[in-house]
PDB file of N, CA and C in Angstrom:
ATOM      1  N   UNK A   1       0.822  -1.275   0.050  1.00  0.00           N
ATOM      2  CA  UNK A   1      -0.045   0.030   0.082  1.00  0.00           C
ATOM      3  C   UNK A   1       0.858   1.273   0.002  1.00  0.00           C
ATOM      4  N   UNK A   2       0.619   2.163  -1.010  1.00  0.00           N
ATOM      5  CA  UNK A   2       1.397   3.281  -0.949  1.00  0.00           C
ATOM      6  C   UNK A   2       0.517   4.428  -0.205  1.00  0.00           C
ATOM      7  N   UNK A   3       1.149   5.320   0.566  1.00  0.00           N
ATOM      8  CA  UNK A   3       0.525   6.468   1.113  1.00  0.00           C
ATOM      9  C   UNK A   3       0.910   7.636   0.647  1.00  0.00           C
ATOM     10  N   UNK A   4       0.068   8.533   0.728  1.00  0.00           N
ATOM     11  CA  UNK A   4       0.428   9.866   0.212  1.00  0.00           C
ATOM     12  C   UNK A   4       0.206  10.878   1.512  1.00  0.00           C
ATOM     13  N   UNK A   5       0.690  12.056   1.298  1.00  0.00           N
ATOM     14  CA  UNK A   5       0.467  13.049   2.422  1.00  0.00           C
ATOM     15  C   UNK A   5      -0.828  13.280   2.800  1.00  0.00           C
ATOM     16  N   UNK A   6      -1.803  13.253   1.743  1.00  0.00           N
ATOM     17  CA  UNK A   6      -3.093  13.332   2.192  1.00  0.00           C
ATOM     18  C   UNK A   6      -3.639  12.169   3.145  1.00  0.00           C
ATOM     19  N   UNK A   7      -3.150  11.030   2.748  1.00  0.00           N
ATOM     20  CA  UNK A   7      -3.484   9.837   3.566  1.00  0.00           C
ATOM     21  C   UNK A   7      -2.875   9.871   4.910  1.00  0.00           C
ATOM     22  N   UNK A   8      -1.492  10.472   4.994  1.00  0.00           N
ATOM     23  CA  UNK A   8      -1.018  10.570   6.311  1.00  0.00           C
ATOM     24  C   UNK A   8      -1.726  11.605   7.225  1.00  0.00           C
ATOM     25  N   UNK A   9      -2.403  12.620   6.631  1.00  0.00           N
ATOM     26  CA  UNK A   9      -3.143  13.650   7.347  1.00  0.00           C
ATOM     27  C   UNK A   9      -4.303  12.901   7.945  1.00  0.00           C
ATOM     28  N   UNK A  10      -4.973  12.001   7.080  1.00  0.00           N
ATOM     29  CA  UNK A  10      -6.305  11.325   7.438  1.00  0.00           C
ATOM     30  C   UNK A  10      -5.900  10.237   8.608  1.00  0.00           C
ATOM     31  N   UNK A  11      -4.823   9.672   8.453  1.00  0.00           N
ATOM     32  CA  UNK A  11      -4.511   8.671   9.451  1.00  0.00           C
ATOM     33  C   UNK A  11      -4.133   9.468  10.802  1.00  0.00           C
ATOM     34  N   UNK A  12      -3.365  10.487  10.804  1.00  0.00           N
ATOM     35  CA  UNK A  12      -2.921  11.182  11.988  1.00  0.00           C
ATOM     36  C   UNK A  12      -4.270  11.901  12.657  1.00  0.00           C
ATOM     37  N   UNK A  13      -5.193  12.360  11.837  1.00  0.00           N
ATOM     38  CA  UNK A  13      -6.296  12.998  12.324  1.00  0.00           C
ATOM     39  C   UNK A  13      -7.224  11.993  12.895  1.00  0.00           C
ATOM     40  N   UNK A  14      -7.232  10.764  12.392  1.00  0.00           N
ATOM     41  CA  UNK A  14      -7.989   9.630  12.955  1.00  0.00           C
ATOM     42  C   UNK A  14      -7.426   9.157  14.271  1.00  0.00           C
ATOM     43  N   UNK A  15      -6.184   8.893  14.368  1.00  0.00           N
ATOM     44  CA  UNK A  15      -5.566   8.569  15.613  1.00  0.00           C
ATOM     45  C   UNK A  15      -5.788   9.589  16.713  1.00  0.00           C
ATOM     46  N   UNK A  16      -5.708  10.919  16.417  1.00  0.00           N
ATOM     47  CA  UNK A  16      -5.973  11.809  17.446  1.00  0.00           C
ATOM     48  C   UNK A  16      -7.512  11.814  17.914  1.00  0.00           C
ATOM     49  N   UNK A  17      -8.404  11.701  16.747  1.00  0.00           N
ATOM     50  CA  UNK A  17      -9.866  11.692  17.221  1.00  0.00           C
ATOM     51  C   UNK A  17     -10.170  10.396  18.090  1.00  0.00           C
ATOM     52  N   UNK A  18      -9.458   9.298  17.750  1.00  0.00           N
ATOM     53  CA  UNK A  18      -9.454   8.025  18.439  1.00  0.00           C
ATOM     54  C   UNK A  18      -9.376   8.301  20.002  1.00  0.00           C
ATOM     55  N   UNK A  19      -8.316   9.092  20.257  1.00  0.00           N
ATOM     56  CA  UNK A  19      -7.790   9.141  21.635  1.00  0.00           C
ATOM     57  C   UNK A  19      -8.363  10.584  22.148  1.00  0.00           C
ATOM     58  N   UNK A  20      -9.134  11.096  21.376  1.00  0.00           N
ATOM     59  CA  UNK A  20      -9.787  12.268  21.929  1.00  0.00           C
ATOM     60  C   UNK A  20      -8.907  13.565  22.248  1.00  0.00           C
ATOM     61  N   UNK A  21      -7.924  13.625  21.330  1.00  0.00           N
ATOM     62  CA  UNK A  21      -6.973  14.771  21.332  1.00  0.00           C
ATOM     63  C   UNK A  21      -7.152  15.631  20.625  1.00  0.00           C
ATOM     64  N   UNK A  22      -6.982  16.980  21.050  1.00  0.00           N
ATOM     65  CA  UNK A  22      -7.158  17.938  20.075  1.00  0.00           C
ATOM     66  C   UNK A  22      -5.732  18.844  20.071  1.00  0.00           C
ATOM     67  N   UNK A  23      -5.326  19.195  18.852  1.00  0.00           N
ATOM     68  CA  UNK A  23      -3.911  19.928  18.864  1.00  0.00           C
ATOM     69  C   UNK A  23      -4.208  21.154  17.970  1.00  0.00           C
ATOM     70  N   UNK A  24      -3.315  21.976  18.220  1.00  0.00           N
ATOM     71  CA  UNK A  24      -3.457  23.340  17.201  1.00  0.00           C
ATOM     72  C   UNK A  24      -3.151  22.765  15.618  1.00  0.00           C
ATOM     73  N   UNK A  25      -3.275  23.591  14.692  1.00  0.00           N
ATOM     74  CA  UNK A  25      -3.097  23.347  13.375  1.00  0.00           C
ATOM     75  C   UNK A  25      -1.510  23.196  12.993  1.00  0.00           C
ATOM     76  N   UNK A  26      -0.700  24.030  13.776  1.00  0.00           N
ATOM     77  CA  UNK A  26       0.701  24.047  13.500  1.00  0.00           C
ATOM     78  C   UNK A  26       1.114  22.764  14.002  1.00  0.00           C
ATOM     79  N   UNK A  27       0.712  22.349  15.131  1.00  0.00           N
ATOM     80  CA  UNK A  27       1.192  20.903  15.679  1.00  0.00           C
ATOM     81  C   UNK A  27       0.691  19.812  14.863  1.00  0.00           C
ATOM     82  N   UNK A  28      -0.556  19.865  14.329  1.00  0.00           N
ATOM     83  CA  UNK A  28      -0.962  18.850  13.521  1.00  0.00           C
ATOM     84  C   UNK A  28      -0.077  18.725  12.267  1.00  0.00           C
ATOM     85  N   UNK A  29       0.334  19.888  11.574  1.00  0.00           N
ATOM     86  CA  UNK A  29       1.125  19.735  10.535  1.00  0.00           C
ATOM     87  C   UNK A  29       2.601  19.038  10.755  1.00  0.00           C
ATOM     88  N   UNK A  30       2.974  19.369  12.004  1.00  0.00           N
ATOM     89  CA  UNK A  30       4.271  18.641  12.330  1.00  0.00           C
ATOM     90  C   UNK A  30       4.184  17.210  12.441  1.00  0.00           C
ATOM     91  N   UNK A  31       2.900  16.864  13.154  1.00  0.00           N
ATOM     92  CA  UNK A  31       2.551  15.316  13.325  1.00  0.00           C
ATOM     93  C   UNK A  31       2.544  14.753  12.013  1.00  0.00           C
ATOM     94  N   UNK A  32       1.769  15.436  11.073  1.00  0.00           N
ATOM     95  CA  UNK A  32       1.677  14.739   9.848  1.00  0.00           C
ATOM     96  C   UNK A  32       2.983  14.676   9.014  1.00  0.00           C
ATOM     97  N   UNK A  33       3.956  15.587   9.145  1.00  0.00           N
ATOM     98  CA  UNK A  33       5.155  15.483   8.497  1.00  0.00           C
ATOM     99  C   UNK A  33       6.044  14.459   9.051  1.00  0.00           C
ATOM    100  N   UNK A  34       5.854  14.190  10.542  1.00  0.00           N
ATOM    101  CA  UNK A  34       6.726  13.207  11.234  1.00  0.00           C
ATOM    102  C   UNK A  34       6.161  11.784  11.142  1.00  0.00           C
ATOM    103  N   UNK A  35       4.789  11.690  10.547  1.00  0.00           N
ATOM    104  CA  UNK A  35       4.120  10.413  10.654  1.00  0.00           C
ATOM    105  C   UNK A  35       4.851   9.166   9.858  1.00  0.00           C
ATOM    106  N   UNK A  36       5.411   9.587   8.558  1.00  0.00           N
ATOM    107  CA  UNK A  36       5.879   8.550   7.757  1.00  0.00           C
ATOM    108  C   UNK A  36       7.269   7.904   8.388  1.00  0.00           C
ATOM    109  N   UNK A  37       8.072   8.715   9.023  1.00  0.00           N
ATOM    110  CA  UNK A  37       9.181   8.083   9.608  1.00  0.00           C
ATOM    111  C   UNK A  37       8.927   7.310  10.954  1.00  0.00           C
ATOM    112  N   UNK A  38       7.784   7.828  11.636  1.00  0.00           N
ATOM    113  CA  UNK A  38       7.429   7.110  12.864  1.00  0.00           C
ATOM    114  C   UNK A  38       6.761   5.702  12.443  1.00  0.00           C
ATOM    115  N   UNK A  39       5.971   5.737  11.401  1.00  0.00           N
ATOM    116  CA  UNK A  39       5.326   4.499  11.046  1.00  0.00           C
ATOM    117  C   UNK A  39       6.329   3.604  10.676  1.00  0.00           C
ATOM    118  N   UNK A  40       7.428   4.144   9.817  1.00  0.00           N
ATOM    119  CA  UNK A  40       8.403   3.063   9.361  1.00  0.00           C
ATOM    120  C   UNK A  40       9.312   2.634  10.533  1.00  0.00           C
ATOM    121  N   UNK A  41       9.442   3.364  11.694  1.00  0.00           N
ATOM    122  CA  UNK A  41      10.270   3.049  12.661  1.00  0.00           C
ATOM    123  C   UNK A  41       9.357   1.619  13.490  1.00  0.00           C
ATOM    124  N   UNK A  42       8.192   2.016  13.491  1.00  0.00           N
ATOM    125  CA  UNK A  42       7.164   0.758  14.213  1.00  0.00           C
ATOM    126  C   UNK A  42       7.296  -0.364  13.252  1.00  0.00           C
ATOM    127  N   UNK A  43       7.278  -0.254  11.985  1.00  0.00           N
ATOM    128  CA  UNK A  43       7.115  -1.405  11.201  1.00  0.00           C
ATOM    129  C   UNK A  43       8.490  -2.203  11.344  1.00  0.00           C
ATOM    130  N   UNK A  44       9.466  -1.373  11.394  1.00  0.00           N
ATOM    131  CA  UNK A  44      10.813  -2.175  11.489  1.00  0.00           C
ATOM    132  C   UNK A  44      10.829  -2.866  12.835  1.00  0.00           C
ATOM    133  N   UNK A  45      10.199  -2.525  13.718  1.00  0.00           N
ATOM    134  CA  UNK A  45      10.192  -3.485  14.941  1.00  0.00           C
ATOM    135  C   UNK A  45       9.505  -4.839  14.751  1.00  0.00           C
ATOM    136  N   UNK A  46       8.493  -4.923  13.897  1.00  0.00           N
ATOM    137  CA  UNK A  46       7.898  -6.085  13.596  1.00  0.00           C
ATOM    138  C   UNK A  46       8.760  -6.972  12.631  1.00  0.00           C
ATOM    139  N   UNK A  47       9.653  -6.387  12.018  1.00  0.00           N
ATOM    140  CA  UNK A  47      10.527  -7.107  11.080  1.00  0.00           C
ATOM    141  C   UNK A  47      11.758  -7.869  11.556  1.00  0.00           C
ATOM    142  N   UNK A  48      11.962  -7.560  12.916  1.00  0.00           N
ATOM    143  CA  UNK A  48      13.161  -8.109  13.485  1.00  0.00           C
ATOM    144  C   UNK A  48      12.943  -9.863  13.768  1.00  0.00           C
ATOM    145  N   UNK A  49      13.615 -10.400  13.194  1.00  0.00           N
ATOM    146  CA  UNK A  49      13.541 -12.010  13.215  1.00  0.00           C
ATOM    147  C   UNK A  49      13.852 -12.480  14.620  1.00  0.00           C
ATOM    148  N   UNK A  50      12.967 -13.360  15.072  1.00  0.00           N
ATOM    149  CA  UNK A  50      13.531 -13.937  16.512  1.00  0.00           C
ATOM    150  C   UNK A  50      13.274 -13.371  17.477  1.00  0.00           C
ATOM    151  N   UNK A  51      12.527 -12.081  17.574  1.00  0.00           N
ATOM    152  CA  UNK A  51      12.482 -11.400  18.748  1.00  0.00           C
ATOM    153  C   UNK A  51      10.982 -11.058  19.271  1.00  0.00           C
ATOM    154  N   UNK A  52      10.119 -11.518  18.293  1.00  0.00           N
ATOM    155  CA  UNK A  52       8.758 -11.047  18.519  1.00  0.00           C
ATOM    156  C   UNK A  52       8.000 -11.735  19.926  1.00  0.00           C
ATOM    157  N   UNK A  53       8.749 -12.788  20.266  1.00  0.00           N
ATOM    158  CA  UNK A  53       8.084 -13.405  21.481  1.00  0.00           C
ATOM    159  C   UNK A  53       9.054 -13.437  22.739  1.00  0.00           C
ATOM    160  N   UNK A  54      10.283 -12.651  22.509  1.00  0.00           N
ATOM    161  CA  UNK A  54      11.239 -12.718  23.555  1.00  0.00           C
ATOM    162  C   UNK A  54      10.807 -11.811  24.648  1.00  0.00           C
ATOM    163  N   UNK A  55      11.243 -12.016  25.971  1.00  0.00           N
ATOM    164  CA  UNK A  55      11.002 -11.017  27.063  1.00  0.00           C
ATOM    165  C   UNK A  55      11.552  -9.798  26.853  1.00  0.00           C
ATOM    166  N   UNK A  56      11.056  -8.781  27.375  1.00  0.00           N
ATOM    167  CA  UNK A  56      11.765  -7.396  27.219  1.00  0.00           C
ATOM    168  C   UNK A  56      13.149  -7.302  27.994  1.00  0.00           C
ATOM    169  N   UNK A  57      13.984  -6.625  27.523  1.00  0.00           N
ATOM    170  CA  UNK A  57      15.402  -6.461  27.992  1.00  0.00           C
ATOM    171  C   UNK A  57      15.470  -5.857  29.538  1.00  0.00           C
ATOM    172  N   UNK A  58      14.438  -5.219  29.988  1.00  0.00           N
ATOM    173  CA  UNK A  58      14.333  -4.706  31.347  1.00  0.00           C
ATOM    174  C   UNK A  58      13.117  -5.594  32.071  1.00  0.00           C
ATOM    175  N   UNK A  59      13.432  -6.300  32.956  1.00  0.00           N
ATOM    176  CA  UNK A  59      12.498  -7.045  33.786  1.00  0.00           C
ATOM    177  C   UNK A  59      12.526  -6.786  35.163  1.00  0.00           C
ATOM    178  N   UNK A  60      11.477  -6.404  35.744  1.00  0.00           N
ATOM    179  CA  UNK A  60      11.350  -5.985  37.439  1.00  0.00           C
ATOM    180  C   UNK A  60      10.947  -7.372  37.866  1.00  0.00           C
ATOM    181  N   UNK A  61      11.979  -7.678  38.804  1.00  0.00           N
ATOM    182  CA  UNK A  61      11.731  -8.921  39.638  1.00  0.00           C
ATOM    183  C   UNK A  61      11.352  -8.712  41.229  1.00  0.00           C
ATOM    184  N   UNK A  62      10.230  -8.673  41.476  1.00  0.00           N
ATOM    185  CA  UNK A  62       9.899  -8.215  42.824  1.00  0.00           C
ATOM    186  C   UNK A  62      10.314  -9.177  44.025  1.00  0.00           C
ATOM    187  N   UNK A  63      10.610 -10.489  43.623  1.00  0.00           N
ATOM    188  CA  UNK A  63      10.948 -11.474  44.651  1.00  0.00           C
ATOM    189  C   UNK A  63      12.411 -11.380  45.153  1.00  0.00           C
ATOM    190  N   UNK A  64      13.241 -10.407  44.382  1.00  0.00           N
ATOM    191  CA  UNK A  64      14.740 -10.384  44.645  1.00  0.00           C
ATOM    192  C   UNK A  64      14.981  -9.285  45.877  1.00  0.00           C
TER     193      UNK A  64
END
C-alpha cells in the first residue's frame, strides 16, 4: 500500500480523534510530517527476526 501526504493527514487525524486529543493546526502539520518516519520505525520493530516473543530487556523481579 502506498501512502500519500493526504493519507498521512487522514491517519494522524483519525488517531488523534480516536484518543480524543485536540492539537493546534501547527502541531497537526508537524505530526503529519513526522508520521511516515514514525510509521516506518514501528514497522521495523515487527521485522526483527526471532525477537517477537522474547522477554523485554528490562524486567522487574519483585522477589529479589
